[in-house]
N, C-alpha and C. Protein backbone atom coordinates (compact mmCIF):
# COMPACT_ATOMS: atom_id res chain seq x y z
N UNK A 1 0.92 -1.29 0.22
CA UNK A 1 -0.21 0.09 0.10
C UNK A 1 0.98 1.02 0.06
N UNK A 2 0.33 2.01 -0.65
CA UNK A 2 1.31 3.33 -0.80
C UNK A 2 1.34 4.08 0.75
N UNK A 3 1.95 4.78 1.04
CA UNK A 3 2.52 5.44 2.40
C UNK A 3 2.33 4.52 3.64
N UNK A 4 2.50 3.32 3.49
CA UNK A 4 2.17 2.39 4.26
C UNK A 4 3.51 2.19 5.02
N UNK A 5 4.47 2.79 5.64
CA UNK A 5 5.94 2.47 6.09
C UNK A 5 5.84 1.07 7.10
N UNK A 6 7.34 0.69 7.08
CA UNK A 6 7.34 -0.37 8.01
C UNK A 6 6.88 -0.33 9.75
N UNK A 7 6.98 0.80 10.41
CA UNK A 7 6.39 0.74 11.25
C UNK A 7 4.85 0.69 11.50
N UNK A 8 4.09 1.42 10.63
CA UNK A 8 2.39 1.40 10.21
C UNK A 8 2.26 0.67 9.91
N UNK A 9 3.16 -0.22 9.23
CA UNK A 9 2.55 -2.16 8.88
C UNK A 9 2.42 -3.10 10.09
N UNK A 10 3.86 -3.02 10.89
CA UNK A 10 3.64 -3.61 12.44
C UNK A 10 2.55 -3.43 13.22
N UNK A 11 2.22 -1.87 13.30
CA UNK A 11 1.32 -1.77 14.26
C UNK A 11 -0.15 -2.72 13.63
N UNK A 12 -0.15 -2.38 12.47
CA UNK A 12 -1.76 -3.39 11.71
C UNK A 12 -1.43 -4.62 11.93
N UNK A 13 -0.40 -5.52 12.12
CA UNK A 13 -0.07 -6.42 12.05
C UNK A 13 -0.46 -6.93 13.90
N UNK A 14 -0.25 -6.17 14.38
CA UNK A 14 -0.15 -6.30 16.30
C UNK A 14 -1.69 -5.94 15.98
N UNK A 15 -2.65 -5.11 15.54
CA UNK A 15 -4.19 -5.24 15.64
C UNK A 15 -4.58 -6.48 15.24
N UNK A 16 -4.06 -7.25 13.94
CA UNK A 16 -4.87 -8.31 13.76
C UNK A 16 -3.95 -9.38 14.25
N UNK A 17 -3.65 -9.61 15.28
CA UNK A 17 -3.00 -10.76 16.33
C UNK A 17 -1.76 -11.30 15.82
N UNK A 18 -0.78 -10.48 15.08
CA UNK A 18 0.57 -10.95 15.11
C UNK A 18 1.55 -10.80 15.92
N UNK A 19 2.12 -11.20 17.00
CA UNK A 19 2.82 -11.05 17.75
C UNK A 19 4.07 -10.09 16.99
N UNK A 20 4.39 -8.67 17.41
CA UNK A 20 5.37 -8.43 16.83
C UNK A 20 5.47 -6.75 17.52
N UNK A 21 6.88 -6.07 16.98
CA UNK A 21 6.63 -4.76 17.70
C UNK A 21 6.51 -3.64 16.69
N UNK A 22 6.00 -2.45 17.12
CA UNK A 22 6.40 -1.26 16.04
C UNK A 22 7.39 -0.57 16.15
N UNK A 23 8.41 -0.60 15.32
CA UNK A 23 9.46 0.36 15.37
C UNK A 23 9.62 1.62 15.24
N UNK A 24 8.92 2.47 16.15
CA UNK A 24 8.45 3.75 16.80
C UNK A 24 9.42 4.54 16.89
N UNK A 25 9.57 6.18 16.84
CA UNK A 25 10.63 6.86 17.84
C UNK A 25 10.40 6.53 19.16
N UNK A 26 9.63 5.95 19.89
CA UNK A 26 9.74 5.32 21.03
C UNK A 26 10.52 4.12 21.56
N UNK A 27 10.69 3.21 20.50
CA UNK A 27 10.99 1.88 20.73
C UNK A 27 12.64 2.11 20.36
N UNK A 28 13.03 2.79 19.47
CA UNK A 28 14.15 3.22 19.01
C UNK A 28 14.97 3.85 20.04
N UNK A 29 14.52 4.85 20.22
CA UNK A 29 14.98 5.79 21.61
C UNK A 29 15.20 5.03 22.55
N UNK A 30 14.71 3.95 22.81
CA UNK A 30 14.77 3.37 24.15
C UNK A 30 15.73 2.04 23.80
N UNK A 31 15.52 1.38 22.94
CA UNK A 31 16.89 0.84 22.72
C UNK A 31 18.42 1.36 22.06
N UNK A 32 18.10 2.54 21.69
CA UNK A 32 19.68 3.32 21.28
C UNK A 32 20.09 3.37 22.92
N UNK A 33 19.01 4.06 23.87
CA UNK A 33 19.73 4.07 24.99
C UNK A 33 20.11 2.60 25.93
N UNK A 34 19.84 1.97 25.46
CA UNK A 34 20.45 0.32 26.04
C UNK A 34 21.27 -0.24 25.62
N UNK A 35 21.55 0.31 24.20
CA UNK A 35 22.72 -0.06 23.50
C UNK A 35 22.25 -1.11 22.50
N UNK A 36 21.03 -1.01 22.12
CA UNK A 36 20.40 -2.59 21.77
C UNK A 36 20.77 -2.37 20.01
N UNK A 37 20.74 -1.11 20.04
CA UNK A 37 20.71 -0.70 18.28
C UNK A 37 21.64 0.71 18.52
N UNK A 38 22.00 1.25 17.12
CA UNK A 38 22.74 2.34 17.04
C UNK A 38 21.44 3.66 16.57
N UNK A 39 22.12 4.85 16.44
CA UNK A 39 21.03 5.81 16.80
C UNK A 39 20.01 5.88 15.61
N UNK A 40 21.23 5.53 14.19
CA UNK A 40 20.83 5.49 12.99
C UNK A 40 20.20 4.49 12.79
N UNK A 41 19.85 3.28 13.60
CA UNK A 41 20.01 1.75 13.03
C UNK A 41 18.34 1.80 12.08
N UNK A 42 17.71 0.85 11.08
CA UNK A 42 17.11 0.80 9.88
C UNK A 42 15.79 0.25 11.06
N UNK A 43 14.15 0.45 10.71
CA UNK A 43 13.40 0.58 11.18
C UNK A 43 13.62 -1.06 11.27
N UNK A 44 14.01 -1.65 10.33
CA UNK A 44 14.21 -3.37 9.96
C UNK A 44 15.29 -3.68 11.68
N UNK A 45 16.31 -3.30 11.44
CA UNK A 45 17.14 -3.27 12.91
C UNK A 45 16.47 -3.21 13.99
N UNK A 46 15.48 -1.96 13.82
CA UNK A 46 15.33 -1.50 15.50
C UNK A 46 14.23 -2.99 15.55
N UNK A 47 13.05 -3.41 14.83
CA UNK A 47 12.31 -4.29 15.12
C UNK A 47 12.92 -5.57 15.74
N UNK A 48 14.43 -5.75 15.09
CA UNK A 48 14.77 -7.19 15.05
C UNK A 48 15.48 -7.40 16.71
N UNK A 49 15.89 -5.90 17.33
CA UNK A 49 16.31 -5.87 18.59
C UNK A 49 15.39 -5.67 19.47
N UNK A 50 14.29 -5.08 19.10
CA UNK A 50 13.52 -5.66 19.86
C UNK A 50 12.96 -6.82 20.24
N UNK A 51 12.57 -7.52 19.13
CA UNK A 51 12.22 -8.57 19.50
C UNK A 51 13.29 -9.70 20.44
N UNK A 52 14.67 -9.53 19.93
CA UNK A 52 15.32 -10.16 20.99
C UNK A 52 15.34 -9.80 22.07
N UNK A 53 15.10 -8.50 22.46
CA UNK A 53 14.68 -8.10 23.84
C UNK A 53 13.71 -8.20 24.78
N UNK A 54 12.36 -8.60 23.76
CA UNK A 54 11.26 -9.71 24.24
C UNK A 54 11.89 -10.71 24.77
N UNK A 55 12.47 -11.85 23.73
CA UNK A 55 13.03 -12.80 23.89
C UNK A 55 13.56 -13.06 25.48
N UNK A 56 14.94 -12.10 25.69
CA UNK A 56 15.64 -11.79 26.70
C UNK A 56 14.74 -11.68 28.12
N UNK A 57 13.94 -11.01 27.82
CA UNK A 57 12.94 -10.90 29.27
C UNK A 57 11.91 -12.11 29.06
N UNK A 58 11.53 -12.83 29.09
CA UNK A 58 10.62 -13.75 28.48
C UNK A 58 8.75 -13.00 28.68
N UNK A 59 8.81 -12.40 27.61
CA UNK A 59 7.78 -11.93 27.04
C UNK A 59 7.27 -11.82 25.87
N UNK A 60 5.82 -11.52 25.18
CA UNK A 60 6.02 -11.62 23.95
C UNK A 60 6.20 -10.20 23.47
N UNK A 61 6.43 -10.18 21.87
CA UNK A 61 6.87 -8.82 21.09
C UNK A 61 5.66 -8.17 21.69
N UNK A 62 4.89 -8.06 21.98
CA UNK A 62 3.49 -7.29 21.84
C UNK A 62 3.52 -6.91 23.11
N UNK A 63 3.77 -7.56 24.58
CA UNK A 63 4.28 -6.87 25.47
C UNK A 63 5.56 -6.09 26.12
N UNK A 64 6.48 -6.33 25.17
CA UNK A 64 7.58 -5.81 25.35
C UNK A 64 7.12 -4.45 24.60
N UNK A 65 6.66 -4.29 23.58
CA UNK A 65 6.25 -2.95 22.50
C UNK A 65 5.50 -2.50 23.73
N UNK A 66 4.30 -2.79 24.25
CA UNK A 66 3.56 -1.71 25.31
C UNK A 66 4.10 -1.11 26.26
N UNK A 67 5.06 -2.34 26.70
CA UNK A 67 6.17 -1.89 28.14
C UNK A 67 7.18 -0.91 27.68
N UNK A 68 7.97 -1.10 26.53
CA UNK A 68 8.86 0.06 25.95
C UNK A 68 7.92 1.30 25.59
N UNK A 69 6.81 1.47 24.70
CA UNK A 69 6.30 2.57 24.39
C UNK A 69 5.89 3.56 25.77
N UNK A 70 5.36 3.05 26.71
CA UNK A 70 4.52 3.40 27.32
C UNK A 70 6.33 3.83 28.51
N UNK A 71 6.80 3.16 28.83
CA UNK A 71 8.22 4.14 29.16
C UNK A 71 8.93 5.52 28.65
N UNK A 72 8.61 5.06 27.18
CA UNK A 72 9.56 6.04 26.29
C UNK A 72 8.28 7.62 26.36
N UNK A 73 6.97 6.61 26.15
CA UNK A 73 5.91 7.96 26.04
C UNK A 73 5.82 8.91 27.25
N UNK A 74 6.25 8.02 28.71
CA UNK A 74 5.53 8.87 29.76
C UNK A 74 7.11 9.85 30.03
N UNK A 75 8.41 9.88 29.22
CA UNK A 75 9.75 10.38 28.99
C UNK A 75 10.44 9.65 29.95
N UNK A 76 10.44 8.62 30.20
CA UNK A 76 11.47 7.89 30.98
C UNK A 76 12.39 7.32 30.26
N UNK A 77 12.39 7.96 29.24
CA UNK A 77 14.05 7.96 28.28
C UNK A 77 14.79 9.16 28.88
N UNK A 78 14.18 10.22 29.39
CA UNK A 78 14.82 11.31 29.59
C UNK A 78 15.32 12.17 28.63
N UNK A 79 14.35 12.60 27.68
CA UNK A 79 14.95 13.21 26.52
C UNK A 79 14.30 14.61 26.55
N UNK A 80 13.78 15.48 28.08
CA UNK A 80 13.28 16.67 28.21
C UNK A 80 13.28 16.78 29.51
N UNK A 81 14.06 18.25 29.47
CA UNK A 81 14.26 18.78 30.69
C UNK A 81 12.97 18.30 31.81
N UNK A 82 13.64 17.49 32.97
CA UNK A 82 12.43 17.74 34.40
C UNK A 82 11.66 16.28 34.08
N UNK A 83 12.43 15.19 32.78
CA UNK A 83 10.98 14.12 32.64
C UNK A 83 11.77 12.91 33.51
N UNK A 84 11.44 11.83 33.26
CA UNK A 84 11.89 10.70 34.42
C UNK A 84 13.43 10.51 34.66
N UNK A 85 13.09 9.37 35.24
CA UNK A 85 14.87 9.23 35.32
C UNK A 85 15.67 8.36 34.25
N UNK A 86 16.78 8.54 34.62
CA UNK A 86 17.29 8.53 32.86
C UNK A 86 17.72 6.83 32.90
N UNK A 87 17.42 6.07 31.86
CA UNK A 87 17.60 4.39 31.20
C UNK A 87 18.81 4.51 31.78
N UNK A 88 19.89 5.19 31.19
CA UNK A 88 21.24 4.58 31.96
C UNK A 88 21.14 3.59 33.31
N UNK A 89 20.53 4.24 34.22
CA UNK A 89 20.46 4.26 35.67
C UNK A 89 19.45 3.13 35.99
N UNK A 90 18.35 2.85 35.16
CA UNK A 90 17.34 1.56 35.36
C UNK A 90 17.32 0.76 34.63
N UNK A 91 18.40 0.02 33.81
CA UNK A 91 18.53 -0.93 33.49
C UNK A 91 18.20 -2.47 34.16
N UNK A 92 17.15 -2.62 33.40
CA UNK A 92 16.37 -4.36 34.31
C UNK A 92 17.83 -4.97 33.81
N UNK A 93 17.62 -6.44 34.52
CA UNK A 93 18.65 -7.51 34.20
C UNK A 93 18.10 -8.08 32.76
N UNK A 94 16.94 -7.69 31.79
CA UNK A 94 17.17 -8.54 31.14
C UNK A 94 17.42 -7.39 29.73
N UNK A 95 18.00 -6.73 30.11
CA UNK A 95 18.04 -5.42 29.17
C UNK A 95 20.19 -5.86 28.51
N UNK A 96 20.91 -6.21 29.86
CA UNK A 96 21.96 -6.68 29.14
C UNK A 96 22.02 -7.19 28.11
N UNK A 97 23.08 -7.00 27.49
CA UNK A 97 24.14 -8.20 25.89
C UNK A 97 22.84 -7.70 24.98
N UNK A 98 23.41 -8.49 23.97
CA UNK A 98 22.36 -8.22 22.15
C UNK A 98 22.27 -9.06 21.89
């Protein structure tokens, strides 16, 4: 479909029951801060890294997507002044390694 990029496509697939992750700006930011992807990573690389993170945490891709998105959307990624705690100080056990 025209104008349907990878992130929108993955979001659609989630809505129809596919276990996947939408590689949007929030997911990319969190994975970059965790050292799982480079800042200029492609959406495909972000998707693959997010799926690995979900496996490492023992979660489904959709569960990981929701958790990452909620964390970043509340600014716990620390991009804005006065935002939540830095991700670097709050890594969970499932975030180590690649």
